[in-house]
PDB file of all heavy atoms in Angstrom:
ATOM      1  N   HIS A   1       8.826  -5.170  -3.363  1.00  0.00           N
ATOM      2  CA  HIS A   1      10.043  -5.587  -4.071  1.00  0.00           C
ATOM      3  C   HIS A   1      10.988  -4.426  -4.401  1.00  0.00           C
ATOM      4  O   HIS A   1      12.162  -4.650  -4.684  1.00  0.00           O
ATOM      5  CB  HIS A   1       9.680  -6.322  -5.365  1.00  0.00           C
ATOM      6  CG  HIS A   1       8.987  -7.626  -5.130  1.00  0.00           C
ATOM      7  ND1 HIS A   1       9.530  -8.629  -4.360  1.00  0.00           N
ATOM      8  CD2 HIS A   1       7.797  -8.104  -5.566  1.00  0.00           C
ATOM      9  CE1 HIS A   1       8.710  -9.661  -4.331  1.00  0.00           C
ATOM     10  NE2 HIS A   1       7.645  -9.370  -5.049  1.00  0.00           N
ATOM     11  N   LYS A   2      10.426  -3.206  -4.423  1.00  0.00           N
ATOM     12  CA  LYS A   2      11.233  -2.009  -4.733  1.00  0.00           C
ATOM     13  C   LYS A   2      11.915  -2.127  -6.092  1.00  0.00           C
ATOM     14  O   LYS A   2      13.069  -1.735  -6.269  1.00  0.00           O
ATOM     15  CB  LYS A   2      12.288  -1.754  -3.638  1.00  0.00           C
ATOM     16  CG  LYS A   2      11.704  -1.644  -2.234  1.00  0.00           C
ATOM     17  CD  LYS A   2      12.801  -1.447  -1.200  1.00  0.00           C
ATOM     18  CE  LYS A   2      12.253  -1.219   0.187  1.00  0.00           C
ATOM     19  NZ  LYS A   2      11.516  -2.357   0.744  1.00  0.00           N
ATOM     20  N   LYS A   3      11.202  -2.700  -7.063  1.00  0.00           N
ATOM     21  CA  LYS A   3      11.773  -2.924  -8.397  1.00  0.00           C
ATOM     22  C   LYS A   3      10.849  -2.381  -9.480  1.00  0.00           C
ATOM     23  O   LYS A   3       9.654  -2.209  -9.271  1.00  0.00           O
ATOM     24  CB  LYS A   3      11.958  -4.436  -8.644  1.00  0.00           C
ATOM     25  CG  LYS A   3      13.034  -5.098  -7.810  1.00  0.00           C
ATOM     26  CD  LYS A   3      13.084  -6.591  -8.144  1.00  0.00           C
ATOM     27  CE  LYS A   3      14.155  -7.304  -7.339  1.00  0.00           C
ATOM     28  NZ  LYS A   3      14.164  -8.761  -7.621  1.00  0.00           N
ATOM     29  N   VAL A   4      11.443  -2.162 -10.662  1.00  0.00           N
ATOM     30  CA  VAL A   4      10.664  -1.866 -11.860  1.00  0.00           C
ATOM     31  C   VAL A   4      10.446  -3.187 -12.595  1.00  0.00           C
ATOM     32  O   VAL A   4      11.211  -4.135 -12.390  1.00  0.00           O
ATOM     33  CB  VAL A   4      11.416  -0.862 -12.770  1.00  0.00           C
ATOM     34  CG1 VAL A   4      11.398   0.511 -12.157  1.00  0.00           C
ATOM     35  CG2 VAL A   4      12.846  -1.308 -13.063  1.00  0.00           C
ATOM     36  N   PRO A   5       9.404  -3.256 -13.423  1.00  0.00           N
ATOM     37  CA  PRO A   5       8.463  -2.208 -13.795  1.00  0.00           C
ATOM     38  C   PRO A   5       7.330  -2.058 -12.783  1.00  0.00           C
ATOM     39  O   PRO A   5       6.990  -3.007 -12.078  1.00  0.00           O
ATOM     40  CB  PRO A   5       7.907  -2.721 -15.130  1.00  0.00           C
ATOM     41  CG  PRO A   5       7.921  -4.212 -14.981  1.00  0.00           C
ATOM     42  CD  PRO A   5       9.169  -4.514 -14.192  1.00  0.00           C
ATOM     43  N   VAL A   6       6.774  -0.857 -12.773  1.00  0.00           N
ATOM     44  CA  VAL A   6       5.516  -0.614 -12.054  1.00  0.00           C
ATOM     45  C   VAL A   6       4.599   0.126 -13.021  1.00  0.00           C
ATOM     46  O   VAL A   6       4.989   1.149 -13.599  1.00  0.00           O
ATOM     47  CB  VAL A   6       5.722   0.240 -10.781  1.00  0.00           C
ATOM     48  CG1 VAL A   6       4.377   0.489 -10.101  1.00  0.00           C
ATOM     49  CG2 VAL A   6       6.679  -0.431  -9.815  1.00  0.00           C
ATOM     50  N   LEU A   7       3.409  -0.417 -13.212  1.00  0.00           N
ATOM     51  CA  LEU A   7       2.399   0.255 -14.024  1.00  0.00           C
ATOM     52  C   LEU A   7       1.451   0.975 -13.073  1.00  0.00           C
ATOM     53  O   LEU A   7       1.020   0.395 -12.075  1.00  0.00           O
ATOM     54  CB  LEU A   7       1.616  -0.762 -14.852  1.00  0.00           C
ATOM     55  CG  LEU A   7       0.606  -0.159 -15.841  1.00  0.00           C
ATOM     56  CD1 LEU A   7       1.316   0.301 -17.111  1.00  0.00           C
ATOM     57  CD2 LEU A   7      -0.491  -1.163 -16.189  1.00  0.00           C
ATOM     58  N   VAL A   8       1.160   2.234 -13.361  1.00  0.00           N
ATOM     59  CA  VAL A   8       0.186   2.980 -12.563  1.00  0.00           C
ATOM     60  C   VAL A   8      -0.985   3.320 -13.479  1.00  0.00           C
ATOM     61  O   VAL A   8      -0.825   4.022 -14.478  1.00  0.00           O
ATOM     62  CB  VAL A   8       0.793   4.271 -11.971  1.00  0.00           C
ATOM     63  CG1 VAL A   8      -0.211   4.941 -11.043  1.00  0.00           C
ATOM     64  CG2 VAL A   8       2.087   3.969 -11.225  1.00  0.00           C
ATOM     65  N   HIS A   9      -2.151   2.773 -13.155  1.00  0.00           N
ATOM     66  CA  HIS A   9      -3.352   3.023 -13.956  1.00  0.00           C
ATOM     67  C   HIS A   9      -4.336   3.772 -13.071  1.00  0.00           C
ATOM     68  O   HIS A   9      -4.852   3.214 -12.098  1.00  0.00           O
ATOM     69  CB  HIS A   9      -3.940   1.688 -14.434  1.00  0.00           C
ATOM     70  CG  HIS A   9      -5.118   1.866 -15.345  1.00  0.00           C
ATOM     71  ND1 HIS A   9      -6.093   0.917 -15.494  1.00  0.00           N
ATOM     72  CD2 HIS A   9      -5.477   2.901 -16.155  1.00  0.00           C
ATOM     73  CE1 HIS A   9      -7.001   1.342 -16.357  1.00  0.00           C
ATOM     74  NE2 HIS A   9      -6.646   2.546 -16.773  1.00  0.00           N
ATOM     75  N   GLY A  10      -4.589   5.029 -13.423  1.00  0.00           N
ATOM     76  CA  GLY A  10      -5.327   5.889 -12.502  1.00  0.00           C
ATOM     77  C   GLY A  10      -4.432   6.113 -11.300  1.00  0.00           C
ATOM     78  O   GLY A  10      -3.317   6.595 -11.423  1.00  0.00           O
ATOM     79  N   ASN A  11      -4.873   5.704 -10.137  1.00  0.00           N
ATOM     80  CA  ASN A  11      -4.021   5.798  -8.943  1.00  0.00           C
ATOM     81  C   ASN A  11      -3.616   4.421  -8.432  1.00  0.00           C
ATOM     82  O   ASN A  11      -3.143   4.287  -7.309  1.00  0.00           O
ATOM     83  CB  ASN A  11      -4.756   6.563  -7.833  1.00  0.00           C
ATOM     84  CG  ASN A  11      -4.982   8.016  -8.214  1.00  0.00           C
ATOM     85  OD1 ASN A  11      -4.064   8.684  -8.665  1.00  0.00           O
ATOM     86  ND2 ASN A  11      -6.207   8.499  -8.050  1.00  0.00           N
ATOM     87  N   LYS A  12      -3.814   3.393  -9.273  1.00  0.00           N
ATOM     88  CA  LYS A  12      -3.554   2.021  -8.833  1.00  0.00           C
ATOM     89  C   LYS A  12      -2.214   1.518  -9.367  1.00  0.00           C
ATOM     90  O   LYS A  12      -2.046   1.390 -10.582  1.00  0.00           O
ATOM     91  CB  LYS A  12      -4.673   1.083  -9.304  1.00  0.00           C
ATOM     92  CG  LYS A  12      -6.066   1.471  -8.849  1.00  0.00           C
ATOM     93  CD  LYS A  12      -7.098   0.415  -9.211  1.00  0.00           C
ATOM     94  CE  LYS A  12      -7.273   0.250 -10.699  1.00  0.00           C
ATOM     95  NZ  LYS A  12      -8.099   1.307 -11.310  1.00  0.00           N
ATOM     96  N   PRO A  13      -1.250   1.222  -8.478  1.00  0.00           N
ATOM     97  CA  PRO A  13       0.027   0.672  -8.942  1.00  0.00           C
ATOM     98  C   PRO A  13      -0.027  -0.858  -9.037  1.00  0.00           C
ATOM     99  O   PRO A  13      -0.618  -1.525  -8.192  1.00  0.00           O
ATOM    100  CB  PRO A  13       1.006   1.109  -7.846  1.00  0.00           C
ATOM    101  CG  PRO A  13       0.171   1.239  -6.614  1.00  0.00           C
ATOM    102  CD  PRO A  13      -1.224   1.552  -7.041  1.00  0.00           C
ATOM    103  N   ILE A  14       0.565  -1.410 -10.095  1.00  0.00           N
ATOM    104  CA  ILE A  14       0.669  -2.861 -10.275  1.00  0.00           C
ATOM    105  C   ILE A  14       2.137  -3.181 -10.546  1.00  0.00           C
ATOM    106  O   ILE A  14       2.768  -2.537 -11.386  1.00  0.00           O
ATOM    107  CB  ILE A  14      -0.201  -3.363 -11.448  1.00  0.00           C
ATOM    108  CG1 ILE A  14      -1.660  -2.920 -11.297  1.00  0.00           C
ATOM    109  CG2 ILE A  14      -0.144  -4.881 -11.565  1.00  0.00           C
ATOM    110  CD1 ILE A  14      -2.066  -1.861 -12.249  1.00  0.00           C
ATOM    111  N   ALA A  15       2.673  -4.169  -9.820  1.00  0.00           N
ATOM    112  CA  ALA A  15       4.082  -4.542  -9.961  1.00  0.00           C
ATOM    113  C   ALA A  15       4.219  -5.944 -10.540  1.00  0.00           C
ATOM    114  O   ALA A  15       3.247  -6.705 -10.584  1.00  0.00           O
ATOM    115  CB  ALA A  15       4.782  -4.460  -8.603  1.00  0.00           C
ATOM    116  N   GLU A  16       5.449  -6.281 -10.954  1.00  0.00           N
ATOM    117  CA  GLU A  16       5.829  -7.574 -11.540  1.00  0.00           C
ATOM    118  C   GLU A  16       5.341  -7.660 -12.998  1.00  0.00           C
ATOM    119  O   GLU A  16       4.147  -7.608 -13.274  1.00  0.00           O
ATOM    120  CB  GLU A  16       5.291  -8.759 -10.731  1.00  0.00           C
ATOM    121  CG  GLU A  16       5.878  -8.862  -9.329  1.00  0.00           C
ATOM    122  CD  GLU A  16       7.382  -9.102  -9.351  1.00  0.00           C
ATOM    123  OE1 GLU A  16       7.843 -10.107  -9.902  1.00  0.00           O
ATOM    124  OE2 GLU A  16       8.110  -8.258  -8.796  1.00  0.00           O
ATOM    125  N   SER A  17       6.296  -7.837 -13.906  1.00  0.00           N
ATOM    126  CA  SER A  17       5.993  -7.706 -15.341  1.00  0.00           C
ATOM    127  C   SER A  17       4.880  -8.634 -15.822  1.00  0.00           C
ATOM    128  O   SER A  17       3.998  -8.206 -16.568  1.00  0.00           O
ATOM    129  CB  SER A  17       7.259  -7.938 -16.170  1.00  0.00           C
ATOM    130  OG  SER A  17       7.711  -9.276 -16.072  1.00  0.00           O
ATOM    131  N   LEU A  18       4.889  -9.906 -15.411  1.00  0.00           N
ATOM    132  CA  LEU A  18       3.881 -10.842 -15.915  1.00  0.00           C
ATOM    133  C   LEU A  18       2.503 -10.548 -15.339  1.00  0.00           C
ATOM    134  O   LEU A  18       1.486 -10.709 -16.018  1.00  0.00           O
ATOM    135  CB  LEU A  18       4.286 -12.287 -15.619  1.00  0.00           C
ATOM    136  CG  LEU A  18       5.587 -12.732 -16.306  1.00  0.00           C
ATOM    137  CD1 LEU A  18       5.969 -14.135 -15.870  1.00  0.00           C
ATOM    138  CD2 LEU A  18       5.450 -12.668 -17.831  1.00  0.00           C
ATOM    139  N   VAL A  19       2.467 -10.085 -14.090  1.00  0.00           N
ATOM    140  CA  VAL A  19       1.203  -9.659 -13.478  1.00  0.00           C
ATOM    141  C   VAL A  19       0.664  -8.442 -14.238  1.00  0.00           C
ATOM    142  O   VAL A  19      -0.531  -8.356 -14.545  1.00  0.00           O
ATOM    143  CB  VAL A  19       1.394  -9.327 -11.981  1.00  0.00           C
ATOM    144  CG1 VAL A  19       0.108  -8.776 -11.371  1.00  0.00           C
ATOM    145  CG2 VAL A  19       1.870 -10.558 -11.212  1.00  0.00           C
ATOM    146  N   ILE A  20       1.568  -7.525 -14.563  1.00  0.00           N
ATOM    147  CA  ILE A  20       1.180  -6.320 -15.308  1.00  0.00           C
ATOM    148  C   ILE A  20       0.637  -6.701 -16.689  1.00  0.00           C
ATOM    149  O   ILE A  20      -0.378  -6.160 -17.145  1.00  0.00           O
ATOM    150  CB  ILE A  20       2.370  -5.343 -15.443  1.00  0.00           C
ATOM    151  CG1 ILE A  20       2.788  -4.806 -14.075  1.00  0.00           C
ATOM    152  CG2 ILE A  20       2.009  -4.187 -16.375  1.00  0.00           C
ATOM    153  CD1 ILE A  20       4.091  -4.009 -14.092  1.00  0.00           C
ATOM    154  N   LEU A  21       1.305  -7.636 -17.364  1.00  0.00           N
ATOM    155  CA  LEU A  21       0.853  -8.048 -18.696  1.00  0.00           C
ATOM    156  C   LEU A  21      -0.577  -8.590 -18.642  1.00  0.00           C
ATOM    157  O   LEU A  21      -1.400  -8.282 -19.502  1.00  0.00           O
ATOM    158  CB  LEU A  21       1.779  -9.116 -19.281  1.00  0.00           C
ATOM    159  CG  LEU A  21       3.170  -8.688 -19.744  1.00  0.00           C
ATOM    160  CD1 LEU A  21       3.858  -9.829 -20.492  1.00  0.00           C
ATOM    161  CD2 LEU A  21       3.127  -7.455 -20.619  1.00  0.00           C
ATOM    162  N   GLU A  22      -0.859  -9.417 -17.645  1.00  0.00           N
ATOM    163  CA  GLU A  22      -2.208  -9.970 -17.531  1.00  0.00           C
ATOM    164  C   GLU A  22      -3.220  -8.865 -17.221  1.00  0.00           C
ATOM    165  O   GLU A  22      -4.343  -8.872 -17.732  1.00  0.00           O
ATOM    166  CB  GLU A  22      -2.252 -11.081 -16.481  1.00  0.00           C
ATOM    167  CG  GLU A  22      -1.404 -12.282 -16.877  1.00  0.00           C
ATOM    168  CD  GLU A  22      -2.031 -13.617 -16.501  1.00  0.00           C
ATOM    169  OE1 GLU A  22      -3.266 -13.672 -16.296  1.00  0.00           O
ATOM    170  OE2 GLU A  22      -1.289 -14.601 -16.427  1.00  0.00           O
ATOM    171  N   TYR A  23      -2.812  -7.915 -16.386  1.00  0.00           N
ATOM    172  CA  TYR A  23      -3.698  -6.786 -16.066  1.00  0.00           C
ATOM    173  C   TYR A  23      -4.011  -5.986 -17.333  1.00  0.00           C
ATOM    174  O   TYR A  23      -5.172  -5.637 -17.594  1.00  0.00           O
ATOM    175  CB  TYR A  23      -3.049  -5.879 -15.015  1.00  0.00           C
ATOM    176  CG  TYR A  23      -3.871  -4.648 -14.711  1.00  0.00           C
ATOM    177  CD1 TYR A  23      -4.923  -4.693 -13.796  1.00  0.00           C
ATOM    178  CD2 TYR A  23      -3.616  -3.437 -15.358  1.00  0.00           C
ATOM    179  CE1 TYR A  23      -5.697  -3.570 -13.537  1.00  0.00           C
ATOM    180  CE2 TYR A  23      -4.383  -2.311 -15.106  1.00  0.00           C
ATOM    181  CZ  TYR A  23      -5.421  -2.376 -14.195  1.00  0.00           C
ATOM    182  OH  TYR A  23      -6.196  -1.265 -13.946  1.00  0.00           O
ATOM    183  N   ILE A  24      -2.978  -5.704 -18.124  1.00  0.00           N
ATOM    184  CA  ILE A  24      -3.164  -4.952 -19.372  1.00  0.00           C
ATOM    185  C   ILE A  24      -4.108  -5.716 -20.304  1.00  0.00           C
ATOM    186  O   ILE A  24      -5.016  -5.141 -20.911  1.00  0.00           O
ATOM    187  CB  ILE A  24      -1.805  -4.701 -20.057  1.00  0.00           C
ATOM    188  CG1 ILE A  24      -0.980  -3.682 -19.260  1.00  0.00           C
ATOM    189  CG2 ILE A  24      -1.995  -4.209 -21.498  1.00  0.00           C
ATOM    190  CD1 ILE A  24       0.462  -3.549 -19.730  1.00  0.00           C
ATOM    191  N   ASP A  25      -3.895  -7.016 -20.400  1.00  0.00           N
ATOM    192  CA  ASP A  25      -4.710  -7.827 -21.311  1.00  0.00           C
ATOM    193  C   ASP A  25      -6.171  -7.855 -20.883  1.00  0.00           C
ATOM    194  O   ASP A  25      -7.082  -7.816 -21.712  1.00  0.00           O
ATOM    195  CB  ASP A  25      -4.150  -9.249 -21.385  1.00  0.00           C
ATOM    196  CG  ASP A  25      -4.521  -9.950 -22.685  1.00  0.00           C
ATOM    197  OD1 ASP A  25      -4.718  -9.247 -23.701  1.00  0.00           O
ATOM    198  OD2 ASP A  25      -4.604 -11.192 -22.697  1.00  0.00           O
ATOM    199  N   GLU A  26      -6.405  -7.905 -19.575  1.00  0.00           N
ATOM    200  CA  GLU A  26      -7.787  -7.959 -19.075  1.00  0.00           C
ATOM    201  C   GLU A  26      -8.467  -6.590 -19.107  1.00  0.00           C
ATOM    202  O   GLU A  26      -9.671  -6.493 -19.348  1.00  0.00           O
ATOM    203  CB  GLU A  26      -7.794  -8.502 -17.645  1.00  0.00           C
ATOM    204  CG  GLU A  26      -7.465  -9.994 -17.570  1.00  0.00           C
ATOM    205  CD  GLU A  26      -7.236 -10.478 -16.146  1.00  0.00           C
ATOM    206  OE1 GLU A  26      -7.571  -9.724 -15.207  1.00  0.00           O
ATOM    207  OE2 GLU A  26      -6.725 -11.597 -15.977  1.00  0.00           O
ATOM    208  N   THR A  27      -7.692  -5.543 -18.878  1.00  0.00           N
ATOM    209  CA  THR A  27      -8.270  -4.190 -18.834  1.00  0.00           C
ATOM    210  C   THR A  27      -8.631  -3.697 -20.232  1.00  0.00           C
ATOM    211  O   THR A  27      -9.679  -3.093 -20.445  1.00  0.00           O
ATOM    212  CB  THR A  27      -7.287  -3.208 -18.163  1.00  0.00           C
ATOM    213  OG1 THR A  27      -6.979  -3.691 -16.854  1.00  0.00           O
ATOM    214  CG2 THR A  27      -7.892  -1.812 -18.050  1.00  0.00           C
ATOM    215  N   TRP A  28      -7.745  -3.947 -21.187  1.00  0.00           N
ATOM    216  CA  TRP A  28      -7.999  -3.555 -22.582  1.00  0.00           C
ATOM    217  C   TRP A  28      -8.214  -4.821 -23.411  1.00  0.00           C
ATOM    218  O   TRP A  28      -7.518  -5.070 -24.387  1.00  0.00           O
ATOM    219  CB  TRP A  28      -6.834  -2.727 -23.105  1.00  0.00           C
ATOM    220  CG  TRP A  28      -6.724  -1.385 -22.429  1.00  0.00           C
ATOM    221  CD1 TRP A  28      -7.396  -0.241 -22.766  1.00  0.00           C
ATOM    222  CD2 TRP A  28      -5.898  -1.044 -21.309  1.00  0.00           C
ATOM    223  NE1 TRP A  28      -7.041   0.780 -21.916  1.00  0.00           N
ATOM    224  CE2 TRP A  28      -6.120   0.323 -21.013  1.00  0.00           C
ATOM    225  CE3 TRP A  28      -4.984  -1.757 -20.521  1.00  0.00           C
ATOM    226  CZ2 TRP A  28      -5.477   0.983 -19.973  1.00  0.00           C
ATOM    227  CZ3 TRP A  28      -4.343  -1.105 -19.485  1.00  0.00           C
ATOM    228  CH2 TRP A  28      -4.596   0.244 -19.215  1.00  0.00           C
ATOM    229  N   LYS A  29      -9.194  -5.624 -22.991  1.00  0.00           N
ATOM    230  CA  LYS A  29      -9.349  -6.982 -23.530  1.00  0.00           C
ATOM    231  C   LYS A  29      -9.750  -7.017 -24.999  1.00  0.00           C
ATOM    232  O   LYS A  29      -9.459  -7.989 -25.697  1.00  0.00           O
ATOM    233  CB  LYS A  29     -10.339  -7.788 -22.690  1.00  0.00           C
ATOM    234  CG  LYS A  29     -11.754  -7.229 -22.645  1.00  0.00           C
ATOM    235  CD  LYS A  29     -12.699  -8.185 -21.927  1.00  0.00           C
ATOM    236  CE  LYS A  29     -12.346  -8.294 -20.462  1.00  0.00           C
ATOM    237  NZ  LYS A  29     -13.295  -9.118 -19.695  1.00  0.00           N
ATOM    238  N   HIS A  30     -10.407  -5.979 -25.498  1.00  0.00           N
ATOM    239  CA  HIS A  30     -10.862  -5.992 -26.891  1.00  0.00           C
ATOM    240  C   HIS A  30      -9.834  -5.400 -27.849  1.00  0.00           C
ATOM    241  O   HIS A  30     -10.023  -5.433 -29.059  1.00  0.00           O
ATOM    242  CB  HIS A  30     -12.202  -5.261 -27.022  1.00  0.00           C
ATOM    243  CG  HIS A  30     -13.278  -5.870 -26.176  1.00  0.00           C
ATOM    244  ND1 HIS A  30     -13.674  -7.185 -26.312  1.00  0.00           N
ATOM    245  CD2 HIS A  30     -14.030  -5.355 -25.166  1.00  0.00           C
ATOM    246  CE1 HIS A  30     -14.627  -7.458 -25.440  1.00  0.00           C
ATOM    247  NE2 HIS A  30     -14.856  -6.371 -24.720  1.00  0.00           N
ATOM    248  N   GLN A  31      -8.770  -4.855 -27.297  1.00  0.00           N
ATOM    249  CA  GLN A  31      -7.721  -4.267 -28.136  1.00  0.00           C
ATOM    250  C   GLN A  31      -6.557  -5.255 -28.225  1.00  0.00           C
ATOM    251  O   GLN A  31      -5.722  -5.323 -27.344  1.00  0.00           O
ATOM    252  CB  GLN A  31      -7.239  -2.937 -27.516  1.00  0.00           C
ATOM    253  CG  GLN A  31      -8.340  -1.886 -27.454  1.00  0.00           C
ATOM    254  CD  GLN A  31      -7.972  -0.718 -26.556  1.00  0.00           C
ATOM    255  OE1 GLN A  31      -8.784  -0.272 -25.737  1.00  0.00           O
ATOM    256  NE2 GLN A  31      -6.763  -0.199 -26.683  1.00  0.00           N
ATOM    257  N   TYR A  32      -6.538  -6.019 -29.285  1.00  0.00           N
ATOM    258  CA  TYR A  32      -5.462  -6.971 -29.539  1.00  0.00           C
ATOM    259  C   TYR A  32      -5.257  -7.937 -28.352  1.00  0.00           C
ATOM    260  O   TYR A  32      -4.321  -7.779 -27.562  1.00  0.00           O
ATOM    261  CB  TYR A  32      -4.144  -6.234 -29.831  1.00  0.00           C
ATOM    262  CG  TYR A  32      -3.093  -7.086 -30.534  1.00  0.00           C
ATOM    263  CD1 TYR A  32      -2.834  -6.904 -31.880  1.00  0.00           C
ATOM    264  CD2 TYR A  32      -2.399  -8.069 -29.850  1.00  0.00           C
ATOM    265  CE1 TYR A  32      -1.899  -7.685 -32.526  1.00  0.00           C
ATOM    266  CE2 TYR A  32      -1.467  -8.858 -30.489  1.00  0.00           C
ATOM    267  CZ  TYR A  32      -1.205  -8.662 -31.823  1.00  0.00           C
ATOM    268  OH  TYR A  32      -0.283  -9.445 -32.456  1.00  0.00           O
ATOM    269  N   PRO A  33      -6.125  -8.940 -28.184  1.00  0.00           N
ATOM    270  CA  PRO A  33      -5.971  -9.907 -27.088  1.00  0.00           C
ATOM    271  C   PRO A  33      -4.610 -10.611 -27.161  1.00  0.00           C
ATOM    272  O   PRO A  33      -4.165 -11.012 -28.241  1.00  0.00           O
ATOM    273  CB  PRO A  33      -7.113 -10.906 -27.336  1.00  0.00           C
ATOM    274  CG  PRO A  33      -8.085 -10.179 -28.200  1.00  0.00           C
ATOM    275  CD  PRO A  33      -7.286  -9.235 -29.036  1.00  0.00           C
ATOM    276  N   LEU A  34      -3.956 -10.738 -26.014  1.00  0.00           N
ATOM    277  CA  LEU A  34      -2.615 -11.332 -25.961  1.00  0.00           C
ATOM    278  C   LEU A  34      -2.643 -12.805 -25.552  1.00  0.00           C
ATOM    279  O   LEU A  34      -2.005 -13.641 -26.172  1.00  0.00           O
ATOM    280  CB  LEU A  34      -1.733 -10.546 -24.985  1.00  0.00           C
ATOM    281  CG  LEU A  34      -1.469  -9.084 -25.361  1.00  0.00           C
ATOM    282  CD1 LEU A  34      -0.744  -8.374 -24.231  1.00  0.00           C
ATOM    283  CD2 LEU A  34      -0.649  -9.004 -26.648  1.00  0.00           C
ATOM    284  N   LEU A  35      -3.372 -13.106 -24.482  1.00  0.00           N
ATOM    285  CA  LEU A  35      -3.465 -14.499 -24.029  1.00  0.00           C
ATOM    286  C   LEU A  35      -4.475 -15.260 -24.885  1.00  0.00           C
ATOM    287  O   LEU A  35      -5.480 -14.682 -25.313  1.00  0.00           O
ATOM    288  CB  LEU A  35      -3.903 -14.566 -22.565  1.00  0.00           C
ATOM    289  CG  LEU A  35      -2.801 -14.538 -21.503  1.00  0.00           C
ATOM    290  CD1 LEU A  35      -3.429 -14.398 -20.121  1.00  0.00           C
ATOM    291  CD2 LEU A  35      -1.915 -15.775 -21.545  1.00  0.00           C
ATOM    292  N   PRO A  36      -4.238 -16.556 -25.132  1.00  0.00           N
ATOM    293  CA  PRO A  36      -5.223 -17.356 -25.870  1.00  0.00           C
ATOM    294  C   PRO A  36      -6.554 -17.387 -25.126  1.00  0.00           C
ATOM    295  O   PRO A  36      -6.600 -17.254 -23.901  1.00  0.00           O
ATOM    296  CB  PRO A  36      -4.594 -18.760 -25.904  1.00  0.00           C
ATOM    297  CG  PRO A  36      -3.150 -18.565 -25.575  1.00  0.00           C
ATOM    298  CD  PRO A  36      -3.060 -17.343 -24.723  1.00  0.00           C
ATOM    299  N   GLN A  37      -7.638 -17.577 -25.862  1.00  0.00           N
ATOM    300  CA  GLN A  37      -8.975 -17.630 -25.244  1.00  0.00           C
ATOM    301  C   GLN A  37      -9.220 -18.971 -24.545  1.00  0.00           C
ATOM    302  O   GLN A  37      -9.909 -19.033 -23.533  1.00  0.00           O
ATOM    303  CB  GLN A  37     -10.055 -17.395 -26.312  1.00  0.00           C
ATOM    304  CG  GLN A  37     -10.013 -16.009 -26.935  1.00  0.00           C
ATOM    305  CD  GLN A  37     -10.083 -14.890 -25.905  1.00  0.00           C
ATOM    306  OE1 GLN A  37     -11.058 -14.797 -25.169  1.00  0.00           O
ATOM    307  NE2 GLN A  37      -9.054 -14.059 -25.842  1.00  0.00           N
ATOM    308  N   ASP A  38      -8.636 -20.024 -25.087  1.00  0.00           N
ATOM    309  CA  ASP A  38      -8.837 -21.368 -24.534  1.00  0.00           C
ATOM    310  C   ASP A  38      -8.088 -21.528 -23.202  1.00  0.00           C
ATOM    311  O   ASP A  38      -6.891 -21.229 -23.122  1.00  0.00           O
ATOM    312  CB  ASP A  38      -8.334 -22.407 -25.541  1.00  0.00           C
ATOM    313  CG  ASP A  38      -8.509 -23.821 -25.028  1.00  0.00           C
ATOM    314  OD1 ASP A  38      -9.654 -24.289 -24.964  1.00  0.00           O
ATOM    315  OD2 ASP A  38      -7.489 -24.454 -24.661  1.00  0.00           O
ATOM    316  N   PRO A  39      -8.776 -22.004 -22.138  1.00  0.00           N
ATOM    317  CA  PRO A  39      -8.131 -22.127 -20.825  1.00  0.00           C
ATOM    318  C   PRO A  39      -6.883 -23.011 -20.831  1.00  0.00           C
ATOM    319  O   PRO A  39      -5.896 -22.706 -20.155  1.00  0.00           O
ATOM    320  CB  PRO A  39      -9.225 -22.745 -19.935  1.00  0.00           C
ATOM    321  CG  PRO A  39     -10.501 -22.397 -20.610  1.00  0.00           C
ATOM    322  CD  PRO A  39     -10.207 -22.364 -22.076  1.00  0.00           C
TER     323      PRO A  39
END
């Protein structure tokens, strides 16, 4: 897409803001959970 935002964690780039948000929530899942627990 050649667009921002891009999150780089270690050497892994992740694009698209909502995809990044879910990645952040899953990676740091015990630090202030963002998504509800109920499916």
